[in-house]
Amino acid sequence: MKELLIAMVQELVDDKSAIEVTVDEPNEEGTTVYHLHVAPDDMGRVIGKQGRIAKAIRTIMRAGAVRYNQKVMVEID
């Protein structure tokens, strides 16, 4: 799942070396949280107008997690 998130974000940003993903252990509800960090200049590209790109990233991650019977959440920091 981490590789999927990185692959999507690499196509959106200019500074690919600044992409960092940290993964929290599943919480009591079984949800794994992925924290995405990008360069400040690329933050707007990852979030998109009115958060549309961020919402699309979260949707794709949730759809991919269903294949592995997981629950995921993506936070963009």
PDB file of N, CA and C in Angstrom:
ATOM      1  N   MET A   1       0.827  -1.192   0.000  1.00  0.00           N
ATOM      2  CA  MET A   1       0.000   0.000   0.000  1.00  0.00           C
ATOM      3  C   MET A   1       0.873   1.259   0.000  1.00  0.00           C
ATOM      4  N   LYS A   2       1.954   1.194   0.745  1.00  0.00           N
ATOM      5  CA  LYS A   2       2.860   2.340   0.804  1.00  0.00           C
ATOM      6  C   LYS A   2       3.416   2.643  -0.592  1.00  0.00           C
ATOM      7  N   GLU A   3       3.746   1.600  -1.342  1.00  0.00           N
ATOM      8  CA  GLU A   3       4.296   1.781  -2.682  1.00  0.00           C
ATOM      9  C   GLU A   3       3.264   2.410  -3.618  1.00  0.00           C
ATOM     10  N   LEU A   4       1.998   2.031  -3.455  1.00  0.00           N
ATOM     11  CA  LEU A   4       0.926   2.612  -4.261  1.00  0.00           C
ATOM     12  C   LEU A   4       0.820   4.112  -4.007  1.00  0.00           C
ATOM     13  N   LEU A   5       0.852   4.498  -2.751  1.00  0.00           N
ATOM     14  CA  LEU A   5       0.758   5.915  -2.397  1.00  0.00           C
ATOM     15  C   LEU A   5       1.936   6.695  -2.967  1.00  0.00           C
ATOM     16  N   ILE A   6       3.137   6.155  -2.828  1.00  0.00           N
ATOM     17  CA  ILE A   6       4.325   6.837  -3.341  1.00  0.00           C
ATOM     18  C   ILE A   6       4.256   6.955  -4.858  1.00  0.00           C
ATOM     19  N   ALA A   7       3.823   5.903  -5.538  1.00  0.00           N
ATOM     20  CA  ALA A   7       3.736   5.929  -7.003  1.00  0.00           C
ATOM     21  C   ALA A   7       2.764   7.000  -7.488  1.00  0.00           C
ATOM     22  N   MET A   8       1.638   7.147  -6.811  1.00  0.00           N
ATOM     23  CA  MET A   8       0.664   8.169  -7.210  1.00  0.00           C
ATOM     24  C   MET A   8       1.225   9.573  -7.002  1.00  0.00           C
ATOM     25  N   VAL A   9       1.846   9.787  -5.852  1.00  0.00           N
ATOM     26  CA  VAL A   9       2.304  11.132  -5.500  1.00  0.00           C
ATOM     27  C   VAL A   9       3.514  11.542  -6.332  1.00  0.00           C
ATOM     28  N   GLN A  10       4.354  10.594  -6.725  1.00  0.00           N
ATOM     29  CA  GLN A  10       5.537  10.923  -7.522  1.00  0.00           C
ATOM     30  C   GLN A  10       5.160  11.587  -8.831  1.00  0.00           C
ATOM     31  N   GLU A  11       4.021  11.231  -9.384  1.00  0.00           N
ATOM     32  CA  GLU A  11       3.596  11.814 -10.652  1.00  0.00           C
ATOM     33  C   GLU A  11       3.033  13.222 -10.489  1.00  0.00           C
ATOM     34  N   LEU A  12       2.735  13.616  -9.253  1.00  0.00           N
ATOM     35  CA  LEU A  12       2.133  14.921  -9.014  1.00  0.00           C
ATOM     36  C   LEU A  12       3.139  16.000  -8.642  1.00  0.00           C
ATOM     37  N   VAL A  13       4.242  15.624  -8.020  1.00  0.00           N
ATOM     38  CA  VAL A  13       5.150  16.601  -7.427  1.00  0.00           C
ATOM     39  C   VAL A  13       6.371  16.843  -8.301  1.00  0.00           C
ATOM     40  N   ASP A  14       7.043  17.975  -8.040  1.00  0.00           N
ATOM     41  CA  ASP A  14       8.304  18.294  -8.713  1.00  0.00           C
ATOM     42  C   ASP A  14       9.486  17.696  -7.955  1.00  0.00           C
ATOM     43  N   ASP A  15       9.472  17.826  -6.631  1.00  0.00           N
ATOM     44  CA  ASP A  15      10.576  17.364  -5.788  1.00  0.00           C
ATOM     45  C   ASP A  15      10.286  15.957  -5.269  1.00  0.00           C
ATOM     46  N   LYS A  16      10.637  14.959  -6.085  1.00  0.00           N
ATOM     47  CA  LYS A  16      10.349  13.574  -5.719  1.00  0.00           C
ATOM     48  C   LYS A  16      11.154  13.088  -4.518  1.00  0.00           C
ATOM     49  N   SER A  17      12.292  13.714  -4.259  1.00  0.00           N
ATOM     50  CA  SER A  17      13.135  13.295  -3.138  1.00  0.00           C
ATOM     51  C   SER A  17      12.538  13.707  -1.796  1.00  0.00           C
ATOM     52  N   ALA A  18      11.595  14.637  -1.803  1.00  0.00           N
ATOM     53  CA  ALA A  18      10.997  15.116  -0.551  1.00  0.00           C
ATOM     54  C   ALA A  18       9.806  14.265  -0.107  1.00  0.00           C
ATOM     55  N   ILE A  19       9.406  13.301  -0.919  1.00  0.00           N
ATOM     56  CA  ILE A  19       8.265  12.458  -0.561  1.00  0.00           C
ATOM     57  C   ILE A  19       8.672  11.526   0.571  1.00  0.00           C
ATOM     58  N   GLU A  20       7.863  11.538   1.618  1.00  0.00           N
ATOM     59  CA  GLU A  20       8.124  10.664   2.761  1.00  0.00           C
ATOM     60  C   GLU A  20       6.783  10.129   3.259  1.00  0.00           C
ATOM     61  N   VAL A  21       6.710   8.832   3.450  1.00  0.00           N
ATOM     62  CA  VAL A  21       5.487   8.195   3.942  1.00  0.00           C
ATOM     63  C   VAL A  21       5.827   7.430   5.207  1.00  0.00           C
ATOM     64  N   THR A  22       5.123   7.744   6.289  1.00  0.00           N
ATOM     65  CA  THR A  22       5.270   6.984   7.520  1.00  0.00           C
ATOM     66  C   THR A  22       3.956   6.248   7.767  1.00  0.00           C
ATOM     67  N   VAL A  23       4.079   5.061   8.334  1.00  0.00           N
ATOM     68  CA  VAL A  23       2.917   4.209   8.544  1.00  0.00           C
ATOM     69  C   VAL A  23       2.766   3.928  10.032  1.00  0.00           C
ATOM     70  N   ASP A  24       1.584   4.210  10.557  1.00  0.00           N
ATOM     71  CA  ASP A  24       1.283   3.890  11.955  1.00  0.00           C
ATOM     72  C   ASP A  24       0.762   2.460  12.043  1.00  0.00           C
ATOM     73  N   GLU A  25       0.942   1.875  13.199  1.00  0.00           N
ATOM     74  CA  GLU A  25       0.371   0.551  13.449  1.00  0.00           C
ATOM     75  C   GLU A  25      -1.158   0.674  13.452  1.00  0.00           C
ATOM     76  N   PRO A  26      -1.861  -0.396  13.082  1.00  0.00           N
ATOM     77  CA  PRO A  26      -3.331  -0.334  13.106  1.00  0.00           C
ATOM     78  C   PRO A  26      -3.853   0.010  14.501  1.00  0.00           C
ATOM     79  N   ASN A  27      -4.845   0.895  14.545  1.00  0.00           N
ATOM     80  CA  ASN A  27      -5.423   1.287  15.829  1.00  0.00           C
ATOM     81  C   ASN A  27      -6.438   0.238  16.285  1.00  0.00           C
ATOM     82  N   GLU A  28      -7.176   0.559  17.346  1.00  0.00           N
ATOM     83  CA  GLU A  28      -8.113  -0.417  17.907  1.00  0.00           C
ATOM     84  C   GLU A  28      -9.230  -0.804  16.936  1.00  0.00           C
ATOM     85  N   GLU A  29      -9.512   0.054  15.956  1.00  0.00           N
ATOM     86  CA  GLU A  29     -10.534  -0.264  14.954  1.00  0.00           C
ATOM     87  C   GLU A  29      -9.945  -1.000  13.753  1.00  0.00           C
ATOM     88  N   GLY A  30      -8.633  -1.209  13.755  1.00  0.00           N
ATOM     89  CA  GLY A  30      -7.975  -1.903  12.653  1.00  0.00           C
ATOM     90  C   GLY A  30      -7.605  -1.005  11.493  1.00  0.00           C
ATOM     91  N   THR A  31      -7.628   0.307  11.692  1.00  0.00           N
ATOM     92  CA  THR A  31      -7.308   1.256  10.627  1.00  0.00           C
ATOM     93  C   THR A  31      -5.832   1.616  10.669  1.00  0.00           C
ATOM     94  N   THR A  32      -5.158   1.465   9.538  1.00  0.00           N
ATOM     95  CA  THR A  32      -3.756   1.839   9.403  1.00  0.00           C
ATOM     96  C   THR A  32      -3.702   3.252   8.831  1.00  0.00           C
ATOM     97  N   VAL A  33      -2.932   4.131   9.466  1.00  0.00           N
ATOM     98  CA  VAL A  33      -2.841   5.523   9.025  1.00  0.00           C
ATOM     99  C   VAL A  33      -1.518   5.729   8.294  1.00  0.00           C
ATOM    100  N   TYR A  34      -1.603   6.257   7.081  1.00  0.00           N
ATOM    101  CA  TYR A  34      -0.433   6.607   6.283  1.00  0.00           C
ATOM    102  C   TYR A  34      -0.278   8.123   6.333  1.00  0.00           C
ATOM    103  N   HIS A  35       0.879   8.594   6.775  1.00  0.00           N
ATOM    104  CA  HIS A  35       1.171  10.029   6.835  1.00  0.00           C
ATOM    105  C   HIS A  35       2.051  10.377   5.641  1.00  0.00           C
ATOM    106  N   LEU A  36       1.560  11.247   4.788  1.00  0.00           N
ATOM    107  CA  LEU A  36       2.279  11.652   3.587  1.00  0.00           C
ATOM    108  C   LEU A  36       2.889  13.028   3.807  1.00  0.00           C
ATOM    109  N   HIS A  37       4.200  13.136   3.590  1.00  0.00           N
ATOM    110  CA  HIS A  37       4.909  14.409   3.709  1.00  0.00           C
ATOM    111  C   HIS A  37       5.516  14.728   2.341  1.00  0.00           C
ATOM    112  N   VAL A  38       5.261  15.938   1.856  1.00  0.00           N
ATOM    113  CA  VAL A  38       5.857  16.394   0.597  1.00  0.00           C
ATOM    114  C   VAL A  38       6.460  17.766   0.837  1.00  0.00           C
ATOM    115  N   ALA A  39       7.201  18.265  -0.146  1.00  0.00           N
ATOM    116  CA  ALA A  39       7.806  19.590  -0.039  1.00  0.00           C
ATOM    117  C   ALA A  39       6.695  20.641   0.041  1.00  0.00           C
ATOM    118  N   PRO A  40       6.942  21.721   0.767  1.00  0.00           N
ATOM    119  CA  PRO A  40       5.909  22.766   0.899  1.00  0.00           C
ATOM    120  C   PRO A  40       5.425  23.319  -0.439  1.00  0.00           C
ATOM    121  N   ASP A  41       6.323  23.407  -1.424  1.00  0.00           N
ATOM    122  CA  ASP A  41       5.926  23.922  -2.741  1.00  0.00           C
ATOM    123  C   ASP A  41       4.987  22.970  -3.476  1.00  0.00           C
ATOM    124  N   ASP A  42       5.048  21.689  -3.153  1.00  0.00           N
ATOM    125  CA  ASP A  42       4.222  20.689  -3.827  1.00  0.00           C
ATOM    126  C   ASP A  42       2.916  20.395  -3.098  1.00  0.00           C
ATOM    127  N   MET A  43       2.724  20.985  -1.943  1.00  0.00           N
ATOM    128  CA  MET A  43       1.535  20.692  -1.142  1.00  0.00           C
ATOM    129  C   MET A  43       0.251  21.013  -1.905  1.00  0.00           C
ATOM    130  N   GLY A  44       0.230  22.113  -2.617  1.00  0.00           N
ATOM    131  CA  GLY A  44      -0.955  22.501  -3.384  1.00  0.00           C
ATOM    132  C   GLY A  44      -1.283  21.510  -4.484  1.00  0.00           C
ATOM    133  N   ARG A  45      -0.257  20.944  -5.094  1.00  0.00           N
ATOM    134  CA  ARG A  45      -0.486  19.967  -6.162  1.00  0.00           C
ATOM    135  C   ARG A  45      -1.087  18.684  -5.610  1.00  0.00           C
ATOM    136  N   VAL A  46      -0.656  18.297  -4.425  1.00  0.00           N
ATOM    137  CA  VAL A  46      -1.149  17.049  -3.842  1.00  0.00           C
ATOM    138  C   VAL A  46      -2.575  17.209  -3.318  1.00  0.00           C
ATOM    139  N   ILE A  47      -2.886  18.392  -2.795  1.00  0.00           N
ATOM    140  CA  ILE A  47      -4.230  18.620  -2.264  1.00  0.00           C
ATOM    141  C   ILE A  47      -5.216  18.928  -3.394  1.00  0.00           C
ATOM    142  N   GLY A  48      -4.819  19.764  -4.335  1.00  0.00           N
ATOM    143  CA  GLY A  48      -5.678  20.097  -5.466  1.00  0.00           C
ATOM    144  C   GLY A  48      -6.719  21.137  -5.105  1.00  0.00           C
ATOM    145  N   LYS A  49      -7.438  21.594  -6.108  1.00  0.00           N
ATOM    146  CA  LYS A  49      -8.479  22.595  -5.886  1.00  0.00           C
ATOM    147  C   LYS A  49      -9.607  21.983  -5.080  1.00  0.00           C
ATOM    148  N   GLN A  50      -9.942  22.621  -3.991  1.00  0.00           N
ATOM    149  CA  GLN A  50     -10.999  22.190  -3.075  1.00  0.00           C
ATOM    150  C   GLN A  50     -10.767  20.764  -2.576  1.00  0.00           C
ATOM    151  N   GLY A  51      -9.507  20.321  -2.573  1.00  0.00           N
ATOM    152  CA  GLY A  51      -9.168  19.012  -2.020  1.00  0.00           C
ATOM    153  C   GLY A  51      -9.525  17.831  -2.898  1.00  0.00           C
ATOM    154  N   ARG A  52      -9.757  18.084  -4.169  1.00  0.00           N
ATOM    155  CA  ARG A  52     -10.206  17.006  -5.052  1.00  0.00           C
ATOM    156  C   ARG A  52      -9.147  15.929  -5.256  1.00  0.00           C
ATOM    157  N   ILE A  53      -7.895  16.328  -5.438  1.00  0.00           N
ATOM    158  CA  ILE A  53      -6.843  15.330  -5.659  1.00  0.00           C
ATOM    159  C   ILE A  53      -6.603  14.537  -4.387  1.00  0.00           C
ATOM    160  N   ALA A  54      -6.593  15.205  -3.238  1.00  0.00           N
ATOM    161  CA  ALA A  54      -6.416  14.504  -1.967  1.00  0.00           C
ATOM    162  C   ALA A  54      -7.532  13.490  -1.753  1.00  0.00           C
ATOM    163  N   LYS A  55      -8.747  13.871  -2.092  1.00  0.00           N
ATOM    164  CA  LYS A  55      -9.891  12.965  -1.950  1.00  0.00           C
ATOM    165  C   LYS A  55      -9.737  11.769  -2.881  1.00  0.00           C
ATOM    166  N   ALA A  56      -9.260  12.009  -4.096  1.00  0.00           N
ATOM    167  CA  ALA A  56      -9.061  10.922  -5.055  1.00  0.00           C
ATOM    168  C   ALA A  56      -7.969   9.965  -4.574  1.00  0.00           C
ATOM    169  N   ILE A  57      -6.894  10.508  -4.006  1.00  0.00           N
ATOM    170  CA  ILE A  57      -5.824   9.661  -3.467  1.00  0.00           C
ATOM    171  C   ILE A  57      -6.373   8.783  -2.349  1.00  0.00           C
ATOM    172  N   ARG A  58      -7.153   9.365  -1.457  1.00  0.00           N
ATOM    173  CA  ARG A  58      -7.725   8.601  -0.348  1.00  0.00           C
ATOM    174  C   ARG A  58      -8.670   7.506  -0.854  1.00  0.00           C
ATOM    175  N   THR A  59      -9.454   7.826  -1.877  1.00  0.00           N
ATOM    176  CA  THR A  59     -10.390   6.852  -2.443  1.00  0.00           C
ATOM    177  C   THR A  59      -9.650   5.668  -3.062  1.00  0.00           C
ATOM    178  N   ILE A  60      -8.597   5.948  -3.808  1.00  0.00           N
ATOM    179  CA  ILE A  60      -7.819   4.886  -4.435  1.00  0.00           C
ATOM    180  C   ILE A  60      -7.149   4.014  -3.376  1.00  0.00           C
ATOM    181  N   MET A  61      -6.634   4.641  -2.329  1.00  0.00           N
ATOM    182  CA  MET A  61      -5.987   3.875  -1.258  1.00  0.00           C
ATOM    183  C   MET A  61      -6.998   2.975  -0.544  1.00  0.00           C
ATOM    184  N   ARG A  62      -8.191   3.495  -0.284  1.00  0.00           N
ATOM    185  CA  ARG A  62      -9.218   2.664   0.363  1.00  0.00           C
ATOM    186  C   ARG A  62      -9.620   1.501  -0.533  1.00  0.00           C
ATOM    187  N   ALA A  63      -9.756   1.761  -1.838  1.00  0.00           N
ATOM    188  CA  ALA A  63     -10.137   0.703  -2.775  1.00  0.00           C
ATOM    189  C   ALA A  63      -9.048  -0.366  -2.850  1.00  0.00           C
ATOM    190  N   GLY A  64      -7.797   0.046  -2.827  1.00  0.00           N
ATOM    191  CA  GLY A  64      -6.706  -0.920  -2.846  1.00  0.00           C
ATOM    192  C   GLY A  64      -6.630  -1.725  -1.566  1.00  0.00           C
ATOM    193  N   ALA A  65      -6.956  -1.109  -0.448  1.00  0.00           N
ATOM    194  CA  ALA A  65      -6.889  -1.788   0.845  1.00  0.00           C
ATOM    195  C   ALA A  65      -7.964  -2.862   0.977  1.00  0.00           C
ATOM    196  N   VAL A  66      -9.076  -2.688   0.300  1.00  0.00           N
ATOM    197  CA  VAL A  66     -10.167  -3.662   0.363  1.00  0.00           C
ATOM    198  C   VAL A  66      -9.692  -5.017  -0.154  1.00  0.00           C
ATOM    199  N   ARG A  67      -8.791  -5.012  -1.117  1.00  0.00           N
ATOM    200  CA  ARG A  67      -8.274  -6.272  -1.663  1.00  0.00           C
ATOM    201  C   ARG A  67      -7.536  -7.090  -0.612  1.00  0.00           C
ATOM    202  N   TYR A  68      -6.989  -6.399   0.389  1.00  0.00           N
ATOM    203  CA  TYR A  68      -6.227  -7.075   1.442  1.00  0.00           C
ATOM    204  C   TYR A  68      -6.985  -7.093   2.771  1.00  0.00           C
ATOM    205  N   ASN A  69      -8.281  -6.820   2.730  1.00  0.00           N
ATOM    206  CA  ASN A  69      -9.113  -6.769   3.937  1.00  0.00           C
ATOM    207  C   ASN A  69      -8.533  -5.840   4.997  1.00  0.00           C
ATOM    208  N   GLN A  70      -8.099  -4.665   4.572  1.00  0.00           N
ATOM    209  CA  GLN A  70      -7.538  -3.670   5.474  1.00  0.00           C
ATOM    210  C   GLN A  70      -8.387  -2.407   5.428  1.00  0.00           C
ATOM    211  N   LYS A  71      -8.219  -1.588   6.445  1.00  0.00           N
ATOM    212  CA  LYS A  71      -8.798  -0.241   6.457  1.00  0.00           C
ATOM    213  C   LYS A  71      -7.621   0.718   6.522  1.00  0.00           C
ATOM    214  N   VAL A  72      -7.631   1.697   5.642  1.00  0.00           N
ATOM    215  CA  VAL A  72      -6.540   2.669   5.630  1.00  0.00           C
ATOM    216  C   VAL A  72      -7.088   4.088   5.646  1.00  0.00           C
ATOM    217  N   MET A  73      -6.250   4.977   6.105  1.00  0.00           N
ATOM    218  CA  MET A  73      -6.557   6.402   6.109  1.00  0.00           C
ATOM    219  C   MET A  73      -5.283   7.129   5.712  1.00  0.00           C
ATOM    220  N   VAL A  74      -5.401   8.150   4.886  1.00  0.00           N
ATOM    221  CA  VAL A  74      -4.238   8.912   4.431  1.00  0.00           C
ATOM    222  C   VAL A  74      -4.342  10.321   5.002  1.00  0.00           C
ATOM    223  N   GLU A  75      -3.291  10.739   5.687  1.00  0.00           N
ATOM    224  CA  GLU A  75      -3.202  12.113   6.182  1.00  0.00           C
ATOM    225  C   GLU A  75      -2.060  12.796   5.446  1.00  0.00           C
ATOM    226  N   ILE A  76      -2.356  13.973   4.924  1.00  0.00           N
ATOM    227  CA  ILE A  76      -1.344  14.740   4.191  1.00  0.00           C
ATOM    228  C   ILE A  76      -0.839  15.824   5.123  1.00  0.00           C
ATOM    229  N   ASP A  77       0.431  15.727   5.493  1.00  0.00           N
ATOM    230  CA  ASP A  77       1.038  16.678   6.423  1.00  0.00           C
ATOM    231  C   ASP A  77       1.960  17.633   5.703  1.00  0.00           C
TER     232      ASP A  77
END
